[in-house]
Amino acid sequence: MLALSRKKDEAIIINDDIEITVIEIKGDQVKLGISAPKSVPIYRKEVYVQIQNANKESAASVDAAALNKLFKK
């Protein structure tokens, strides 16, 4: 992990097309602004984990044998 120090209104650039700017610092909270192409999904980590868990549950509920039969017709 790369750890960087930034002050309000300072930014970092990732891969030429993603910019993360510190918008506000209030107590122990930091507000970030993220500029990225629309093709780049951006999630809070807790939301991302929920999505991943839902995807795993959904994949586990698929009957692979029945699905395979559908494609063999």
PDB file of N, CA and C in Angstrom:
ATOM      1  N   MET A   1       0.847  -1.177   0.000  1.00  0.00           N
ATOM      2  CA  MET A   1       0.000   0.000   0.000  1.00  0.00           C
ATOM      3  C   MET A   1       0.888   1.234   0.000  1.00  0.00           C
ATOM      4  N   LEU A   2       0.540   2.169  -0.832  1.00  0.00           N
ATOM      5  CA  LEU A   2       1.216   3.460  -0.879  1.00  0.00           C
ATOM      6  C   LEU A   2       0.444   4.426   0.016  1.00  0.00           C
ATOM      7  N   ALA A   3       1.129   5.055   0.951  1.00  0.00           N
ATOM      8  CA  ALA A   3       0.490   6.035   1.836  1.00  0.00           C
ATOM      9  C   ALA A   3       1.002   7.424   1.470  1.00  0.00           C
ATOM     10  N   LEU A   4       0.081   8.338   1.188  1.00  0.00           N
ATOM     11  CA  LEU A   4       0.433   9.700   0.814  1.00  0.00           C
ATOM     12  C   LEU A   4      -0.237  10.687   1.759  1.00  0.00           C
ATOM     13  N   SER A   5       0.427  11.789   2.004  1.00  0.00           N
ATOM     14  CA  SER A   5      -0.169  12.878   2.778  1.00  0.00           C
ATOM     15  C   SER A   5      -0.637  13.946   1.801  1.00  0.00           C
ATOM     16  N   ARG A   6      -1.852  14.428   1.970  1.00  0.00           N
ATOM     17  CA  ARG A   6      -2.408  15.478   1.129  1.00  0.00           C
ATOM     18  C   ARG A   6      -3.135  16.464   2.023  1.00  0.00           C
ATOM     19  N   LYS A   7      -3.123  17.703   1.630  1.00  0.00           N
ATOM     20  CA  LYS A   7      -3.868  18.747   2.328  1.00  0.00           C
ATOM     21  C   LYS A   7      -5.124  19.071   1.524  1.00  0.00           C
ATOM     22  N   LYS A   8      -5.996  19.880   2.111  1.00  0.00           N
ATOM     23  CA  LYS A   8      -7.217  20.284   1.424  1.00  0.00           C
ATOM     24  C   LYS A   8      -6.869  20.870   0.056  1.00  0.00           C
ATOM     25  N   ASP A   9      -7.650  20.505  -0.938  1.00  0.00           N
ATOM     26  CA  ASP A   9      -7.517  20.940  -2.329  1.00  0.00           C
ATOM     27  C   ASP A   9      -6.310  20.341  -3.058  1.00  0.00           C
ATOM     28  N   GLU A  10      -5.582  19.442  -2.421  1.00  0.00           N
ATOM     29  CA  GLU A  10      -4.504  18.734  -3.112  1.00  0.00           C
ATOM     30  C   GLU A  10      -5.061  17.418  -3.655  1.00  0.00           C
ATOM     31  N   ALA A  11      -4.394  16.881  -4.671  1.00  0.00           N
ATOM     32  CA  ALA A  11      -4.927  15.703  -5.350  1.00  0.00           C
ATOM     33  C   ALA A  11      -3.821  14.696  -5.640  1.00  0.00           C
ATOM     34  N   ILE A  12      -4.252  13.503  -6.023  1.00  0.00           N
ATOM     35  CA  ILE A  12      -3.350  12.497  -6.566  1.00  0.00           C
ATOM     36  C   ILE A  12      -3.947  12.025  -7.897  1.00  0.00           C
ATOM     37  N   ILE A  13      -3.096  11.573  -8.786  1.00  0.00           N
ATOM     38  CA  ILE A  13      -3.516  11.074 -10.091  1.00  0.00           C
ATOM     39  C   ILE A  13      -3.172   9.590 -10.159  1.00  0.00           C
ATOM     40  N   ILE A  14      -4.112   8.790 -10.664  1.00  0.00           N
ATOM     41  CA  ILE A  14      -3.900   7.359 -10.847  1.00  0.00           C
ATOM     42  C   ILE A  14      -4.087   7.043 -12.323  1.00  0.00           C
ATOM     43  N   ASN A  15      -3.073   6.475 -12.921  1.00  0.00           N
ATOM     44  CA  ASN A  15      -3.155   5.962 -14.292  1.00  0.00           C
ATOM     45  C   ASN A  15      -3.607   7.004 -15.317  1.00  0.00           C
ATOM     46  N   ASP A  16      -3.172   8.216 -15.204  1.00  0.00           N
ATOM     47  CA  ASP A  16      -3.440   9.300 -16.164  1.00  0.00           C
ATOM     48  C   ASP A  16      -4.893   9.749 -16.272  1.00  0.00           C
ATOM     49  N   ASP A  17      -5.861   8.979 -15.765  1.00  0.00           N
ATOM     50  CA  ASP A  17      -7.249   9.368 -15.998  1.00  0.00           C
ATOM     51  C   ASP A  17      -8.142   9.337 -14.756  1.00  0.00           C
ATOM     52  N   ILE A  18      -7.545   9.118 -13.599  1.00  0.00           N
ATOM     53  CA  ILE A  18      -8.309   9.145 -12.346  1.00  0.00           C
ATOM     54  C   ILE A  18      -7.652  10.156 -11.414  1.00  0.00           C
ATOM     55  N   GLU A  19      -8.444  11.112 -10.949  1.00  0.00           N
ATOM     56  CA  GLU A  19      -7.933  12.128 -10.028  1.00  0.00           C
ATOM     57  C   GLU A  19      -8.749  12.088  -8.743  1.00  0.00           C
ATOM     58  N   ILE A  20      -8.043  12.012  -7.612  1.00  0.00           N
ATOM     59  CA  ILE A  20      -8.682  12.017  -6.298  1.00  0.00           C
ATOM     60  C   ILE A  20      -8.221  13.271  -5.571  1.00  0.00           C
ATOM     61  N   THR A  21      -9.200  14.105  -5.190  1.00  0.00           N
ATOM     62  CA  THR A  21      -8.903  15.393  -4.565  1.00  0.00           C
ATOM     63  C   THR A  21      -9.470  15.427  -3.151  1.00  0.00           C
ATOM     64  N   VAL A  22      -8.702  15.956  -2.213  1.00  0.00           N
ATOM     65  CA  VAL A  22      -9.191  16.169  -0.849  1.00  0.00           C
ATOM     66  C   VAL A  22     -10.031  17.439  -0.881  1.00  0.00           C
ATOM     67  N   ILE A  23     -11.317  17.296  -0.647  1.00  0.00           N
ATOM     68  CA  ILE A  23     -12.241  18.433  -0.707  1.00  0.00           C
ATOM     69  C   ILE A  23     -12.386  19.107   0.648  1.00  0.00           C
ATOM     70  N   GLU A  24     -12.456  18.281   1.704  1.00  0.00           N
ATOM     71  CA  GLU A  24     -12.701  18.844   3.029  1.00  0.00           C
ATOM     72  C   GLU A  24     -12.146  17.904   4.086  1.00  0.00           C
ATOM     73  N   ILE A  25     -11.624  18.484   5.155  1.00  0.00           N
ATOM     74  CA  ILE A  25     -11.169  17.717   6.315  1.00  0.00           C
ATOM     75  C   ILE A  25     -11.894  18.301   7.520  1.00  0.00           C
ATOM     76  N   LYS A  26     -12.676  17.438   8.183  1.00  0.00           N
ATOM     77  CA  LYS A  26     -13.452  17.908   9.333  1.00  0.00           C
ATOM     78  C   LYS A  26     -13.325  16.857  10.427  1.00  0.00           C
ATOM     79  N   GLY A  27     -12.527  17.151  11.460  1.00  0.00           N
ATOM     80  CA  GLY A  27     -12.309  16.189  12.542  1.00  0.00           C
ATOM     81  C   GLY A  27     -11.625  14.944  12.001  1.00  0.00           C
ATOM     82  N   ASP A  28     -12.258  13.776  12.204  1.00  0.00           N
ATOM     83  CA  ASP A  28     -11.657  12.528  11.725  1.00  0.00           C
ATOM     84  C   ASP A  28     -12.248  12.087  10.378  1.00  0.00           C
ATOM     85  N   GLN A  29     -12.980  12.991   9.714  1.00  0.00           N
ATOM     86  CA  GLN A  29     -13.551  12.679   8.405  1.00  0.00           C
ATOM     87  C   GLN A  29     -12.849  13.462   7.313  1.00  0.00           C
ATOM     88  N   VAL A  30     -12.647  12.780   6.193  1.00  0.00           N
ATOM     89  CA  VAL A  30     -12.055  13.405   5.018  1.00  0.00           C
ATOM     90  C   VAL A  30     -13.038  13.235   3.872  1.00  0.00           C
ATOM     91  N   LYS A  31     -13.374  14.318   3.190  1.00  0.00           N
ATOM     92  CA  LYS A  31     -14.256  14.238   2.027  1.00  0.00           C
ATOM     93  C   LYS A  31     -13.383  14.261   0.777  1.00  0.00           C
ATOM     94  N   LEU A  32     -13.572  13.239  -0.081  1.00  0.00           N
ATOM     95  CA  LEU A  32     -12.784  13.101  -1.294  1.00  0.00           C
ATOM     96  C   LEU A  32     -13.660  13.321  -2.515  1.00  0.00           C
ATOM     97  N   GLY A  33     -13.079  13.913  -3.534  1.00  0.00           N
ATOM     98  CA  GLY A  33     -13.731  14.026  -4.837  1.00  0.00           C
ATOM     99  C   GLY A  33     -12.974  13.136  -5.802  1.00  0.00           C
ATOM    100  N   ILE A  34     -13.695  12.370  -6.607  1.00  0.00           N
ATOM    101  CA  ILE A  34     -13.055  11.436  -7.526  1.00  0.00           C
ATOM    102  C   ILE A  34     -13.529  11.747  -8.944  1.00  0.00           C
ATOM    103  N   SER A  35     -12.589  12.030  -9.819  1.00  0.00           N
ATOM    104  CA  SER A  35     -12.881  12.220 -11.237  1.00  0.00           C
ATOM    105  C   SER A  35     -12.289  11.038 -11.979  1.00  0.00           C
ATOM    106  N   ALA A  36     -13.161  10.317 -12.690  1.00  0.00           N
ATOM    107  CA  ALA A  36     -12.714   9.133 -13.427  1.00  0.00           C
ATOM    108  C   ALA A  36     -13.631   8.939 -14.622  1.00  0.00           C
ATOM    109  N   PRO A  37     -13.173   8.191 -15.621  1.00  0.00           N
ATOM    110  CA  PRO A  37     -14.049   7.893 -16.758  1.00  0.00           C
ATOM    111  C   PRO A  37     -15.296   7.145 -16.289  1.00  0.00           C
ATOM    112  N   LYS A  38     -16.396   7.325 -17.003  1.00  0.00           N
ATOM    113  CA  LYS A  38     -17.646   6.659 -16.635  1.00  0.00           C
ATOM    114  C   LYS A  38     -17.518   5.145 -16.662  1.00  0.00           C
ATOM    115  N   SER A  39     -16.555   4.627 -17.395  1.00  0.00           N
ATOM    116  CA  SER A  39     -16.371   3.174 -17.488  1.00  0.00           C
ATOM    117  C   SER A  39     -15.710   2.585 -16.239  1.00  0.00           C
ATOM    118  N   VAL A  40     -15.233   3.441 -15.335  1.00  0.00           N
ATOM    119  CA  VAL A  40     -14.572   2.987 -14.110  1.00  0.00           C
ATOM    120  C   VAL A  40     -15.582   2.997 -12.965  1.00  0.00           C
ATOM    121  N   PRO A  41     -15.960   1.816 -12.462  1.00  0.00           N
ATOM    122  CA  PRO A  41     -16.893   1.800 -11.335  1.00  0.00           C
ATOM    123  C   PRO A  41     -16.199   2.265 -10.051  1.00  0.00           C
ATOM    124  N   ILE A  42     -16.910   3.055  -9.261  1.00  0.00           N
ATOM    125  CA  ILE A  42     -16.369   3.563  -7.993  1.00  0.00           C
ATOM    126  C   ILE A  42     -17.391   3.261  -6.905  1.00  0.00           C
ATOM    127  N   TYR A  43     -16.966   2.542  -5.870  1.00  0.00           N
ATOM    128  CA  TYR A  43     -17.845   2.154  -4.769  1.00  0.00           C
ATOM    129  C   TYR A  43     -17.160   2.430  -3.440  1.00  0.00           C
ATOM    130  N   ARG A  44     -17.959   2.732  -2.416  1.00  0.00           N
ATOM    131  CA  ARG A  44     -17.423   2.684  -1.056  1.00  0.00           C
ATOM    132  C   ARG A  44     -17.136   1.218  -0.778  1.00  0.00           C
ATOM    133  N   LYS A  45     -16.110   0.932   0.008  1.00  0.00           N
ATOM    134  CA  LYS A  45     -15.697  -0.455   0.212  1.00  0.00           C
ATOM    135  C   LYS A  45     -16.818  -1.315   0.787  1.00  0.00           C
ATOM    136  N   GLU A  46     -17.587  -0.798   1.743  1.00  0.00           N
ATOM    137  CA  GLU A  46     -18.636  -1.606   2.350  1.00  0.00           C
ATOM    138  C   GLU A  46     -19.716  -1.978   1.326  1.00  0.00           C
ATOM    139  N   VAL A  47     -19.991  -1.094   0.374  1.00  0.00           N
ATOM    140  CA  VAL A  47     -20.952  -1.401  -0.685  1.00  0.00           C
ATOM    141  C   VAL A  47     -20.366  -2.442  -1.639  1.00  0.00           C
ATOM    142  N   TYR A  48     -19.087  -2.278  -1.974  1.00  0.00           N
ATOM    143  CA  TYR A  48     -18.410  -3.223  -2.864  1.00  0.00           C
ATOM    144  C   TYR A  48     -18.418  -4.636  -2.269  1.00  0.00           C
ATOM    145  N   VAL A  49     -18.162  -4.747  -0.974  1.00  0.00           N
ATOM    146  CA  VAL A  49     -18.168  -6.050  -0.303  1.00  0.00           C
ATOM    147  C   VAL A  49     -19.567  -6.662  -0.351  1.00  0.00           C
ATOM    148  N   GLN A  50     -20.607  -5.852  -0.145  1.00  0.00           N
ATOM    149  CA  GLN A  50     -21.984  -6.358  -0.225  1.00  0.00           C
ATOM    150  C   GLN A  50     -22.290  -6.878  -1.634  1.00  0.00           C
ATOM    151  N   ILE A  51     -21.856  -6.154  -2.649  1.00  0.00           N
ATOM    152  CA  ILE A  51     -22.077  -6.583  -4.033  1.00  0.00           C
ATOM    153  C   ILE A  51     -21.368  -7.902  -4.298  1.00  0.00           C
ATOM    154  N   GLN A  52     -20.116  -8.011  -3.851  1.00  0.00           N
ATOM    155  CA  GLN A  52     -19.355  -9.245  -4.051  1.00  0.00           C
ATOM    156  C   GLN A  52     -20.024 -10.424  -3.356  1.00  0.00           C
ATOM    157  N   ASN A  53     -20.493 -10.224  -2.127  1.00  0.00           N
ATOM    158  CA  ASN A  53     -21.167 -11.299  -1.393  1.00  0.00           C
ATOM    159  C   ASN A  53     -22.468 -11.715  -2.082  1.00  0.00           C
ATOM    160  N   ALA A  54     -23.225 -10.744  -2.572  1.00  0.00           N
ATOM    161  CA  ALA A  54     -24.465 -11.057  -3.283  1.00  0.00           C
ATOM    162  C   ALA A  54     -24.171 -11.837  -4.561  1.00  0.00           C
ATOM    163  N   ASN A  55     -23.106 -11.459  -5.269  1.00  0.00           N
ATOM    164  CA  ASN A  55     -22.723 -12.179  -6.480  1.00  0.00           C
ATOM    165  C   ASN A  55     -22.312 -13.614  -6.170  1.00  0.00           C
ATOM    166  N   LYS A  56     -21.579 -13.812  -5.084  1.00  0.00           N
ATOM    167  CA  LYS A  56     -21.166 -15.167  -4.693  1.00  0.00           C
ATOM    168  C   LYS A  56     -22.383 -16.021  -4.338  1.00  0.00           C
ATOM    169  N   GLU A  57     -23.324 -15.441  -3.589  1.00  0.00           N
ATOM    170  CA  GLU A  57     -24.540 -16.174  -3.214  1.00  0.00           C
ATOM    171  C   GLU A  57     -25.352 -16.533  -4.463  1.00  0.00           C
ATOM    172  N   SER A  58     -25.442 -15.607  -5.377  1.00  0.00           N
ATOM    173  CA  SER A  58     -26.191 -15.850  -6.605  1.00  0.00           C
ATOM    174  C   SER A  58     -25.538 -16.947  -7.437  1.00  0.00           C
ATOM    175  N   ALA A  59     -24.219 -16.901  -7.555  1.00  0.00           N
ATOM    176  CA  ALA A  59     -23.502 -17.916  -8.328  1.00  0.00           C
ATOM    177  C   ALA A  59     -23.624 -19.287  -7.673  1.00  0.00           C
ATOM    178  N   ALA A  60     -23.642 -19.334  -6.352  1.00  0.00           N
ATOM    179  CA  ALA A  60     -23.739 -20.605  -5.637  1.00  0.00           C
ATOM    180  C   ALA A  60     -25.120 -21.239  -5.807  1.00  0.00           C
ATOM    181  N   SER A  61     -26.133 -20.417  -6.090  1.00  0.00           N
ATOM    182  CA  SER A  61     -27.487 -20.948  -6.211  1.00  0.00           C
ATOM    183  C   SER A  61     -27.805 -21.468  -7.617  1.00  0.00           C
ATOM    184  N   VAL A  62     -26.867 -21.311  -8.549  1.00  0.00           N
ATOM    185  CA  VAL A  62     -27.086 -21.763  -9.920  1.00  0.00           C
ATOM    186  C   VAL A  62     -26.883 -23.272 -10.008  1.00  0.00           C
ATOM    187  N   ASP A  63     -27.825 -23.947 -10.652  1.00  0.00           N
ATOM    188  CA  ASP A  63     -27.715 -25.382 -10.901  1.00  0.00           C
ATOM    189  C   ASP A  63     -26.906 -25.554 -12.188  1.00  0.00           C
ATOM    190  N   ALA A  64     -25.622 -25.825 -12.042  1.00  0.00           N
ATOM    191  CA  ALA A  64     -24.717 -25.900 -13.187  1.00  0.00           C
ATOM    192  C   ALA A  64     -25.120 -26.995 -14.167  1.00  0.00           C
ATOM    193  N   ALA A  65     -25.600 -28.128 -13.683  1.00  0.00           N
ATOM    194  CA  ALA A  65     -26.006 -29.225 -14.561  1.00  0.00           C
ATOM    195  C   ALA A  65     -27.201 -28.814 -15.415  1.00  0.00           C
ATOM    196  N   ALA A  66     -28.187 -28.178 -14.820  1.00  0.00           N
ATOM    197  CA  ALA A  66     -29.365 -27.732 -15.568  1.00  0.00           C
ATOM    198  C   ALA A  66     -28.979 -26.653 -16.574  1.00  0.00           C
ATOM    199  N   LEU A  67     -28.108 -25.766 -16.190  1.00  0.00           N
ATOM    200  CA  LEU A  67     -27.644 -24.711 -17.081  1.00  0.00           C
ATOM    201  C   LEU A  67     -26.877 -25.305 -18.261  1.00  0.00           C
ATOM    202  N   ASN A  68     -26.058 -26.285 -17.989  1.00  0.00           N
ATOM    203  CA  ASN A  68     -25.282 -26.952 -19.030  1.00  0.00           C
ATOM    204  C   ASN A  68     -26.208 -27.621 -20.037  1.00  0.00           C
ATOM    205  N   LYS A  69     -27.295 -28.218 -19.566  1.00  0.00           N
ATOM    206  CA  LYS A  69     -28.265 -28.863 -20.465  1.00  0.00           C
ATOM    207  C   LYS A  69     -28.913 -27.861 -21.407  1.00  0.00           C
ATOM    208  N   LEU A  70     -29.167 -26.667 -20.902  1.00  0.00           N
ATOM    209  CA  LEU A  70     -29.763 -25.618 -21.746  1.00  0.00           C
ATOM    210  C   LEU A  70     -28.877 -25.261 -22.933  1.00  0.00           C
ATOM    211  N   PHE A  71     -27.592 -25.241 -22.708  1.00  0.00           N
ATOM    212  CA  PHE A  71     -26.666 -24.836 -23.766  1.00  0.00           C
ATOM    213  C   PHE A  71     -26.300 -25.978 -24.714  1.00  0.00           C
ATOM    214  N   LYS A  72     -26.575 -27.204 -24.333  1.00  0.00           N
ATOM    215  CA  LYS A  72     -26.239 -28.343 -25.188  1.00  0.00           C
ATOM    216  C   LYS A  72     -27.326 -28.632 -26.227  1.00  0.00           C
ATOM    217  N   LYS A  73     -28.455 -27.998 -26.130  1.00  0.00           N
ATOM    218  CA  LYS A  73     -29.555 -28.264 -27.065  1.00  0.00           C
ATOM    219  C   LYS A  73     -29.243 -27.789 -28.443  1.00  0.00           C
TER     220      LYS A  73
END
